[in-house]
Amino acid sequence: MKKWIKLTLYSLLGILIIGSITFLTWSQFTYKPTKEALSLVDDKKDEGNIVFGEKDAKVGVVFYQGAKVEAEAYS
């Protein structure tokens, strides 16, 4: 009976370690903008934010990036 418990605990530990390594590896990858998209966009950096359009515009949209996509990839 002790062998069964030991095998189960080692199996669970192995699954936990593999799952943790997989998650940490996955979390390091993001979706970056393509070179073509970066060459076509006309944007400005303003205090760390990416700004499109004219300064005297009366209406604007605030867009928050999400998931694992970098802000520049949305432009």
N, C-alpha and C. Protein backbone atom coordinates (compact mmCIF):
# COMPACT_ATOMS: atom_id res chain seq x y z
N MET A 1 0.82 -1.20 0.00
CA MET A 1 0.00 0.00 0.00
C MET A 1 0.86 1.26 0.00
N LYS A 2 1.99 1.23 0.69
CA LYS A 2 2.85 2.41 0.74
C LYS A 2 3.46 2.72 -0.62
N LYS A 3 3.74 1.67 -1.42
CA LYS A 3 4.27 1.90 -2.76
C LYS A 3 3.26 2.67 -3.61
N TRP A 4 2.00 2.33 -3.48
CA TRP A 4 0.94 2.96 -4.25
C TRP A 4 0.84 4.45 -3.90
N ILE A 5 0.91 4.78 -2.62
CA ILE A 5 0.83 6.18 -2.17
C ILE A 5 2.05 6.95 -2.66
N LYS A 6 3.21 6.35 -2.57
CA LYS A 6 4.45 7.00 -3.01
C LYS A 6 4.39 7.27 -4.52
N LEU A 7 3.94 6.29 -5.28
CA LEU A 7 3.83 6.44 -6.73
C LEU A 7 2.83 7.54 -7.09
N THR A 8 1.72 7.59 -6.39
CA THR A 8 0.71 8.62 -6.63
C THR A 8 1.25 10.01 -6.32
N LEU A 9 1.94 10.16 -5.21
CA LEU A 9 2.49 11.47 -4.83
C LEU A 9 3.56 11.93 -5.82
N TYR A 10 4.43 11.02 -6.24
CA TYR A 10 5.45 11.39 -7.23
C TYR A 10 4.81 11.75 -8.57
N SER A 11 3.77 11.04 -8.94
CA SER A 11 3.07 11.34 -10.19
C SER A 11 2.43 12.73 -10.13
N LEU A 12 1.76 13.04 -9.02
CA LEU A 12 1.15 14.36 -8.86
C LEU A 12 2.20 15.46 -8.85
N LEU A 13 3.31 15.22 -8.19
CA LEU A 13 4.40 16.19 -8.16
C LEU A 13 4.95 16.42 -9.56
N GLY A 14 5.12 15.35 -10.32
CA GLY A 14 5.61 15.47 -11.70
C GLY A 14 4.65 16.26 -12.57
N ILE A 15 3.36 15.99 -12.43
CA ILE A 15 2.35 16.72 -13.20
C ILE A 15 2.36 18.20 -12.82
N LEU A 16 2.49 18.49 -11.54
CA LEU A 16 2.54 19.88 -11.08
C LEU A 16 3.77 20.61 -11.62
N ILE A 17 4.91 19.96 -11.60
CA ILE A 17 6.14 20.58 -12.10
C ILE A 17 6.05 20.82 -13.61
N ILE A 18 5.60 19.82 -14.35
CA ILE A 18 5.47 19.97 -15.80
C ILE A 18 4.45 21.06 -16.14
N GLY A 19 3.34 21.10 -15.43
CA GLY A 19 2.33 22.13 -15.66
C GLY A 19 2.87 23.52 -15.37
N SER A 20 3.64 23.66 -14.29
CA SER A 20 4.21 24.96 -13.93
C SER A 20 5.21 25.43 -14.98
N ILE A 21 6.06 24.54 -15.43
CA ILE A 21 7.05 24.90 -16.45
C ILE A 21 6.36 25.28 -17.75
N THR A 22 5.34 24.52 -18.13
CA THR A 22 4.59 24.82 -19.35
C THR A 22 3.92 26.19 -19.26
N PHE A 23 3.28 26.49 -18.13
CA PHE A 23 2.62 27.78 -17.97
C PHE A 23 3.62 28.93 -18.00
N LEU A 24 4.74 28.79 -17.31
CA LEU A 24 5.74 29.86 -17.29
C LEU A 24 6.32 30.09 -18.67
N THR A 25 6.54 29.03 -19.43
CA THR A 25 7.04 29.18 -20.80
C THR A 25 6.01 29.87 -21.68
N TRP A 26 4.76 29.45 -21.60
CA TRP A 26 3.68 30.03 -22.40
C TRP A 26 3.48 31.51 -22.08
N SER A 27 3.60 31.88 -20.82
CA SER A 27 3.34 33.27 -20.42
C SER A 27 4.42 34.24 -20.91
N GLN A 28 5.55 33.73 -21.37
CA GLN A 28 6.63 34.61 -21.83
C GLN A 28 6.47 35.01 -23.30
N PHE A 29 5.61 34.34 -24.04
CA PHE A 29 5.43 34.64 -25.45
C PHE A 29 4.25 35.58 -25.66
N THR A 30 4.47 36.62 -26.50
CA THR A 30 3.41 37.57 -26.82
C THR A 30 3.29 37.70 -28.33
N TYR A 31 2.18 38.27 -28.77
CA TYR A 31 1.97 38.52 -30.19
C TYR A 31 2.53 39.90 -30.51
N LYS A 32 3.55 39.93 -31.35
CA LYS A 32 4.23 41.17 -31.70
C LYS A 32 3.70 41.69 -33.04
N PRO A 33 3.87 42.98 -33.29
CA PRO A 33 3.43 43.52 -34.58
C PRO A 33 4.35 43.05 -35.70
N THR A 34 3.82 42.94 -36.90
CA THR A 34 4.65 42.56 -38.04
C THR A 34 5.42 43.78 -38.54
N LYS A 35 6.49 43.54 -39.26
CA LYS A 35 7.29 44.65 -39.80
C LYS A 35 6.47 45.47 -40.79
N GLU A 36 5.63 44.79 -41.57
CA GLU A 36 4.79 45.48 -42.54
C GLU A 36 3.80 46.42 -41.84
N ALA A 37 3.20 45.97 -40.77
CA ALA A 37 2.25 46.82 -40.04
C ALA A 37 2.95 48.02 -39.43
N LEU A 38 4.14 47.82 -38.89
CA LEU A 38 4.88 48.93 -38.29
C LEU A 38 5.29 49.96 -39.34
N SER A 39 5.60 49.52 -40.55
CA SER A 39 6.02 50.47 -41.59
C SER A 39 4.84 51.29 -42.12
N LEU A 40 3.63 50.79 -42.02
CA LEU A 40 2.46 51.48 -42.56
C LEU A 40 1.79 52.43 -41.58
N VAL A 41 2.05 52.29 -40.31
CA VAL A 41 1.32 53.06 -39.31
C VAL A 41 2.01 54.41 -39.06
N ASP A 42 1.19 55.43 -38.82
CA ASP A 42 1.69 56.76 -38.50
C ASP A 42 1.22 57.09 -37.08
N ASP A 43 2.08 56.82 -36.12
CA ASP A 43 1.69 57.03 -34.72
C ASP A 43 2.73 57.89 -34.01
N LYS A 44 2.35 58.34 -32.83
CA LYS A 44 3.25 59.15 -32.00
C LYS A 44 3.24 58.57 -30.59
N LYS A 45 4.37 58.68 -29.92
CA LYS A 45 4.44 58.28 -28.51
C LYS A 45 4.21 59.52 -27.66
N ASP A 46 3.29 59.42 -26.72
CA ASP A 46 2.97 60.54 -25.83
C ASP A 46 2.95 60.01 -24.41
N GLU A 47 3.99 60.30 -23.65
CA GLU A 47 4.10 59.87 -22.25
C GLU A 47 3.94 58.36 -22.11
N GLY A 48 4.55 57.62 -23.03
CA GLY A 48 4.49 56.17 -22.96
C GLY A 48 3.27 55.56 -23.62
N ASN A 49 2.36 56.39 -24.12
CA ASN A 49 1.15 55.90 -24.80
C ASN A 49 1.32 56.05 -26.30
N ILE A 50 0.63 55.22 -27.05
CA ILE A 50 0.63 55.34 -28.50
C ILE A 50 -0.59 56.15 -28.89
N VAL A 51 -0.36 57.22 -29.67
CA VAL A 51 -1.45 58.14 -30.01
C VAL A 51 -1.58 58.20 -31.53
N PHE A 52 -2.82 58.09 -32.02
CA PHE A 52 -3.12 58.23 -33.44
C PHE A 52 -4.02 59.44 -33.63
N GLY A 53 -3.96 60.05 -34.79
CA GLY A 53 -4.88 61.14 -35.11
C GLY A 53 -4.32 62.50 -34.76
N GLU A 54 -5.20 63.48 -34.84
CA GLU A 54 -4.83 64.87 -34.61
C GLU A 54 -5.03 65.26 -33.16
N LYS A 55 -4.24 66.25 -32.70
CA LYS A 55 -4.36 66.71 -31.31
C LYS A 55 -5.65 67.47 -31.06
N ASP A 56 -6.18 68.14 -32.08
CA ASP A 56 -7.39 68.95 -31.88
C ASP A 56 -8.69 68.16 -32.10
N ALA A 57 -8.62 66.86 -32.15
CA ALA A 57 -9.82 66.03 -32.34
C ALA A 57 -10.73 66.15 -31.11
N LYS A 58 -12.03 66.20 -31.35
CA LYS A 58 -13.00 66.36 -30.26
C LYS A 58 -13.43 65.01 -29.66
N VAL A 59 -13.30 63.95 -30.43
CA VAL A 59 -13.74 62.63 -29.98
C VAL A 59 -12.55 61.68 -30.06
N GLY A 60 -12.44 60.81 -29.09
CA GLY A 60 -11.36 59.84 -29.08
C GLY A 60 -11.81 58.51 -28.53
N VAL A 61 -10.98 57.53 -28.70
CA VAL A 61 -11.25 56.19 -28.20
C VAL A 61 -10.07 55.75 -27.35
N VAL A 62 -10.36 55.25 -26.18
CA VAL A 62 -9.31 54.69 -25.33
C VAL A 62 -9.36 53.18 -25.52
N PHE A 63 -8.25 52.60 -25.90
CA PHE A 63 -8.19 51.18 -26.19
C PHE A 63 -7.17 50.52 -25.28
N TYR A 64 -7.60 49.56 -24.52
CA TYR A 64 -6.70 48.82 -23.64
C TYR A 64 -6.33 47.51 -24.30
N GLN A 65 -5.04 47.24 -24.34
CA GLN A 65 -4.61 45.97 -24.92
C GLN A 65 -5.01 44.82 -24.00
N GLY A 66 -5.10 43.66 -24.55
CA GLY A 66 -5.51 42.52 -23.75
C GLY A 66 -4.79 41.27 -24.17
N ALA A 67 -5.11 40.21 -23.48
CA ALA A 67 -4.53 38.89 -23.72
C ALA A 67 -3.01 38.98 -23.68
N LYS A 68 -2.36 38.46 -24.68
CA LYS A 68 -0.90 38.48 -24.71
C LYS A 68 -0.43 39.24 -25.95
N VAL A 69 -1.17 40.27 -26.34
CA VAL A 69 -0.86 41.04 -27.53
C VAL A 69 -0.23 42.36 -27.11
N GLU A 70 0.93 42.67 -27.71
CA GLU A 70 1.59 43.93 -27.40
C GLU A 70 0.80 45.09 -28.00
N ALA A 71 0.89 46.25 -27.39
CA ALA A 71 0.11 47.42 -27.81
C ALA A 71 0.38 47.79 -29.26
N GLU A 72 1.62 47.70 -29.70
CA GLU A 72 1.98 48.07 -31.07
C GLU A 72 1.34 47.15 -32.09
N ALA A 73 0.99 45.94 -31.72
CA ALA A 73 0.39 44.99 -32.66
C ALA A 73 -1.02 45.39 -33.05
N TYR A 74 -1.69 46.21 -32.24
CA TYR A 74 -3.04 46.64 -32.57
C TYR A 74 -3.05 47.73 -33.63
N SER A 75 -1.96 48.44 -33.79
CA SER A 75 -1.92 49.54 -34.75
C SER A 75 -1.80 48.99 -36.14
